[in-house]
Amino acid sequence: MRLLLVWLINALSLLAVPYVLPSVSVDSFYVALLTALLLALVNTLIRPLLVLVTLPITILTLGLFTLVINGLLFWFVASFVEGFRVGGFWSAFWGALAYSLISSVASWLLIPKPHLPPPPPPDYIDSTARRL
């Protein structure tokens, strides 16, 4: 159920990106669902390989090159999904950043947080703790 909720939030976030960046367009909710699914698959399967291959430049840029990778993958998905268009690399870069921020905030607001275990009672003695 949580996976479907995240997918729906990502699709709705993708529909919100053209309001922030006019150079990104999504034709319909169906296209947004398909694009969100493909972005999830690409980020799961291809992104780790790209991060590994570009590790030296990622280290040199203190991790900022991962934003370029995100933009390239966003642009890559737009190149073969009919109805999802991106105006170029910089549009893809800023679109991926906006999509990430919108979906992160929406997920944080809408997905319930797991409950933490209750704290131990006050008279609890942790026998594994190191004492100085």
C-alpha atoms as a PDB file:
ATOM      1  CA  MET A   1       0.000   0.000   0.000  1.00  0.00           C
ATOM      2  CA  ARG A   2       2.852   2.364   0.866  1.00  0.00           C
ATOM      3  CA  LEU A   3       4.464   1.738  -2.534  1.00  0.00           C
ATOM      4  CA  LEU A   4       1.269   2.711  -4.360  1.00  0.00           C
ATOM      5  CA  LEU A   5       0.957   5.847  -2.237  1.00  0.00           C
ATOM      6  CA  VAL A   6       4.539   6.869  -3.047  1.00  0.00           C
ATOM      7  CA  TRP A   7       3.906   6.212  -6.748  1.00  0.00           C
ATOM      8  CA  LEU A   8       0.767   8.371  -6.665  1.00  0.00           C
ATOM      9  CA  ILE A   9       2.597  11.167  -4.809  1.00  0.00           C
ATOM     10  CA  ASN A  10       5.424  11.054  -7.360  1.00  0.00           C
ATOM     11  CA  ALA A  11       2.961  11.221 -10.262  1.00  0.00           C
ATOM     12  CA  LEU A  12       1.181  14.198  -8.703  1.00  0.00           C
ATOM     13  CA  SER A  13       4.543  15.836  -8.058  1.00  0.00           C
ATOM     14  CA  LEU A  14       5.427  15.329 -11.692  1.00  0.00           C
ATOM     15  CA  LEU A  15       2.179  17.068 -12.657  1.00  0.00           C
ATOM     16  CA  ALA A  16       3.195  20.022 -10.452  1.00  0.00           C
ATOM     17  CA  VAL A  17       6.618  20.515 -12.070  1.00  0.00           C
ATOM     18  CA  PRO A  18       5.277  22.307 -15.219  1.00  0.00           C
ATOM     19  CA  TYR A  19       3.762  24.957 -12.936  1.00  0.00           C
ATOM     20  CA  VAL A  20       7.254  25.688 -11.624  1.00  0.00           C
ATOM     21  CA  LEU A  21       9.128  25.216 -14.919  1.00  0.00           C
ATOM     22  CA  PRO A  22       7.215  25.939 -18.128  1.00  0.00           C
ATOM     23  CA  SER A  23       9.899  24.164 -20.198  1.00  0.00           C
ATOM     24  CA  VAL A  24       8.734  20.821 -18.742  1.00  0.00           C
ATOM     25  CA  SER A  25       5.337  19.533 -19.820  1.00  0.00           C
ATOM     26  CA  VAL A  26       3.202  16.545 -18.876  1.00  0.00           C
ATOM     27  CA  ASP A  27       0.121  15.897 -21.002  1.00  0.00           C
ATOM     28  CA  SER A  28      -2.076  13.863 -18.644  1.00  0.00           C
ATOM     29  CA  PHE A  29      -2.270  12.030 -15.350  1.00  0.00           C
ATOM     30  CA  TYR A  30      -1.739   8.724 -17.158  1.00  0.00           C
ATOM     31  CA  VAL A  31       1.507  10.049 -18.654  1.00  0.00           C
ATOM     32  CA  ALA A  32       2.541  11.250 -15.190  1.00  0.00           C
ATOM     33  CA  LEU A  33       1.890   7.777 -13.725  1.00  0.00           C
ATOM     34  CA  LEU A  34       3.891   6.115 -16.497  1.00  0.00           C
ATOM     35  CA  THR A  35       6.727   8.628 -16.203  1.00  0.00           C
ATOM     36  CA  ALA A  36       6.876   8.305 -12.405  1.00  0.00           C
ATOM     37  CA  LEU A  37       7.091   4.531 -12.778  1.00  0.00           C
ATOM     38  CA  LEU A  38       9.848   4.766 -15.393  1.00  0.00           C
ATOM     39  CA  LEU A  39      11.768   7.334 -13.335  1.00  0.00           C
ATOM     40  CA  ALA A  40      11.610   4.978 -10.359  1.00  0.00           C
ATOM     41  CA  LEU A  41      12.878   2.069 -12.466  1.00  0.00           C
ATOM     42  CA  VAL A  42      15.674   4.109 -14.025  1.00  0.00           C
ATOM     43  CA  ASN A  43      16.710   5.491 -10.633  1.00  0.00           C
ATOM     44  CA  THR A  44      16.708   1.988  -9.185  1.00  0.00           C
ATOM     45  CA  LEU A  45      18.515   0.180 -11.988  1.00  0.00           C
ATOM     46  CA  ILE A  46      20.691   2.664 -13.896  1.00  0.00           C
ATOM     47  CA  ARG A  47      21.477   5.449 -11.400  1.00  0.00           C
ATOM     48  CA  PRO A  48      23.637   3.309  -9.052  1.00  0.00           C
ATOM     49  CA  LEU A  49      25.771   2.217 -11.998  1.00  0.00           C
ATOM     50  CA  LEU A  50      26.203   5.815 -13.187  1.00  0.00           C
ATOM     51  CA  VAL A  51      27.090   6.964  -9.673  1.00  0.00           C
ATOM     52  CA  LEU A  52      29.699   4.225  -9.428  1.00  0.00           C
ATOM     53  CA  VAL A  53      31.211   5.007 -12.836  1.00  0.00           C
ATOM     54  CA  THR A  54      31.351   8.749 -12.111  1.00  0.00           C
ATOM     55  CA  LEU A  55      32.581   8.355  -8.533  1.00  0.00           C
ATOM     56  CA  PRO A  56      35.860  10.248  -9.070  1.00  0.00           C
ATOM     57  CA  ILE A  57      34.131  13.351 -10.450  1.00  0.00           C
ATOM     58  CA  THR A  58      31.433  13.043  -7.786  1.00  0.00           C
ATOM     59  CA  ILE A  59      34.114  13.080  -5.094  1.00  0.00           C
ATOM     60  CA  LEU A  60      35.872  16.057  -6.725  1.00  0.00           C
ATOM     61  CA  THR A  61      32.605  18.023  -6.819  1.00  0.00           C
ATOM     62  CA  LEU A  62      31.715  16.992  -3.250  1.00  0.00           C
ATOM     63  CA  GLY A  63      28.655  15.086  -4.455  1.00  0.00           C
ATOM     64  CA  LEU A  64      27.160  17.832  -6.603  1.00  0.00           C
ATOM     65  CA  PHE A  65      27.662  15.777  -9.756  1.00  0.00           C
ATOM     66  CA  THR A  66      24.780  13.554  -8.612  1.00  0.00           C
ATOM     67  CA  LEU A  67      22.490  16.479  -9.463  1.00  0.00           C
ATOM     68  CA  VAL A  68      23.814  16.303 -13.030  1.00  0.00           C
ATOM     69  CA  ILE A  69      23.143  12.546 -13.076  1.00  0.00           C
ATOM     70  CA  ASN A  70      19.580  13.172 -11.869  1.00  0.00           C
ATOM     71  CA  GLY A  71      19.056  15.756 -14.611  1.00  0.00           C
ATOM     72  CA  LEU A  72      20.442  13.430 -17.278  1.00  0.00           C
ATOM     73  CA  LEU A  73      18.174  10.582 -16.162  1.00  0.00           C
ATOM     74  CA  PHE A  74      15.169  12.933 -16.103  1.00  0.00           C
ATOM     75  CA  TRP A  75      16.035  14.004 -19.644  1.00  0.00           C
ATOM     76  CA  PHE A  76      16.608  10.380 -20.684  1.00  0.00           C
ATOM     77  CA  VAL A  77      13.132   9.327 -19.526  1.00  0.00           C
ATOM     78  CA  ALA A  78      11.616  12.325 -21.316  1.00  0.00           C
ATOM     79  CA  SER A  79      13.266  11.229 -24.546  1.00  0.00           C
ATOM     80  CA  PHE A  80      11.158   8.084 -24.865  1.00  0.00           C
ATOM     81  CA  VAL A  81       7.904   8.821 -22.993  1.00  0.00           C
ATOM     82  CA  GLU A  82       5.315  10.289 -25.325  1.00  0.00           C
ATOM     83  CA  GLY A  83       3.544  13.204 -23.657  1.00  0.00           C
ATOM     84  CA  PHE A  84       6.403  14.088 -21.287  1.00  0.00           C
ATOM     85  CA  ARG A  85       8.645  16.776 -22.740  1.00  0.00           C
ATOM     86  CA  VAL A  86      11.698  18.581 -21.392  1.00  0.00           C
ATOM     87  CA  GLY A  87      13.218  21.591 -23.142  1.00  0.00           C
ATOM     88  CA  GLY A  88      16.888  20.629 -22.786  1.00  0.00           C
ATOM     89  CA  PHE A  89      19.547  19.725 -20.264  1.00  0.00           C
ATOM     90  CA  TRP A  90      19.104  22.724 -17.988  1.00  0.00           C
ATOM     91  CA  SER A  91      15.345  22.274 -18.023  1.00  0.00           C
ATOM     92  CA  ALA A  92      15.912  18.634 -17.089  1.00  0.00           C
ATOM     93  CA  PHE A  93      18.376  19.625 -14.360  1.00  0.00           C
ATOM     94  CA  TRP A  94      16.001  22.104 -12.730  1.00  0.00           C
ATOM     95  CA  GLY A  95      12.990  19.875 -13.431  1.00  0.00           C
ATOM     96  CA  ALA A  96      14.627  16.930 -11.661  1.00  0.00           C
ATOM     97  CA  LEU A  97      15.491  19.176  -8.723  1.00  0.00           C
ATOM     98  CA  ALA A  98      11.936  20.582  -8.533  1.00  0.00           C
ATOM     99  CA  TYR A  99      10.439  17.084  -8.897  1.00  0.00           C
ATOM    100  CA  SER A 100      12.663  15.798  -6.120  1.00  0.00           C
ATOM    101  CA  LEU A 101      11.827  18.656  -3.754  1.00  0.00           C
ATOM    102  CA  ILE A 102       8.086  18.555  -4.419  1.00  0.00           C
ATOM    103  CA  SER A 103       7.839  14.779  -4.027  1.00  0.00           C
ATOM    104  CA  SER A 104      10.012  14.808  -0.888  1.00  0.00           C
ATOM    105  CA  VAL A 105       7.894  17.452   0.823  1.00  0.00           C
ATOM    106  CA  ALA A 106       4.644  15.771  -0.248  1.00  0.00           C
ATOM    107  CA  SER A 107       5.868  12.376   0.965  1.00  0.00           C
ATOM    108  CA  TRP A 108       6.970  13.879   4.269  1.00  0.00           C
ATOM    109  CA  LEU A 109       3.542  15.467   4.730  1.00  0.00           C
ATOM    110  CA  LEU A 110       1.316  12.627   3.500  1.00  0.00           C
ATOM    111  CA  ILE A 111       2.999   9.336   4.401  1.00  0.00           C
ATOM    112  CA  PRO A 112       2.574   8.300   8.031  1.00  0.00           C
ATOM    113  CA  LYS A 113       5.771   7.950  10.021  1.00  0.00           C
ATOM    114  CA  PRO A 114       6.557   4.627  11.708  1.00  0.00           C
ATOM    115  CA  HIS A 115       6.158   4.667  15.447  1.00  0.00           C
ATOM    116  CA  LEU A 116       9.283   4.576  17.563  1.00  0.00           C
ATOM    117  CA  PRO A 117       9.570   1.969  20.291  1.00  0.00           C
ATOM    118  CA  PRO A 118       8.789   3.255  23.785  1.00  0.00           C
ATOM    119  CA  PRO A 119      11.733   4.373  25.887  1.00  0.00           C
ATOM    120  CA  PRO A 120      13.039   1.955  28.520  1.00  0.00           C
ATOM    121  CA  PRO A 121      11.760   2.323  32.072  1.00  0.00           C
ATOM    122  CA  PRO A 122      13.797   4.577  34.378  1.00  0.00           C
ATOM    123  CA  ASP A 123      15.192   1.666  36.392  1.00  0.00           C
ATOM    124  CA  TYR A 124      16.481  -0.167  33.280  1.00  0.00           C
ATOM    125  CA  ILE A 125      20.172  -1.118  33.387  1.00  0.00           C
ATOM    126  CA  ASP A 126      21.891  -1.593  30.054  1.00  0.00           C
ATOM    127  CA  SER A 127      24.428  -4.351  30.563  1.00  0.00           C
ATOM    128  CA  THR A 128      25.986  -3.788  27.131  1.00  0.00           C
ATOM    129  CA  ALA A 129      26.896  -0.138  27.725  1.00  0.00           C
ATOM    130  CA  ARG A 130      30.550   0.702  28.226  1.00  0.00           C
ATOM    131  CA  ARG A 131      31.407   2.416  31.424  1.00  0.00           C
ATOM    132  CA  LEU A 132      34.381   4.711  31.839  1.00  0.00           C
END
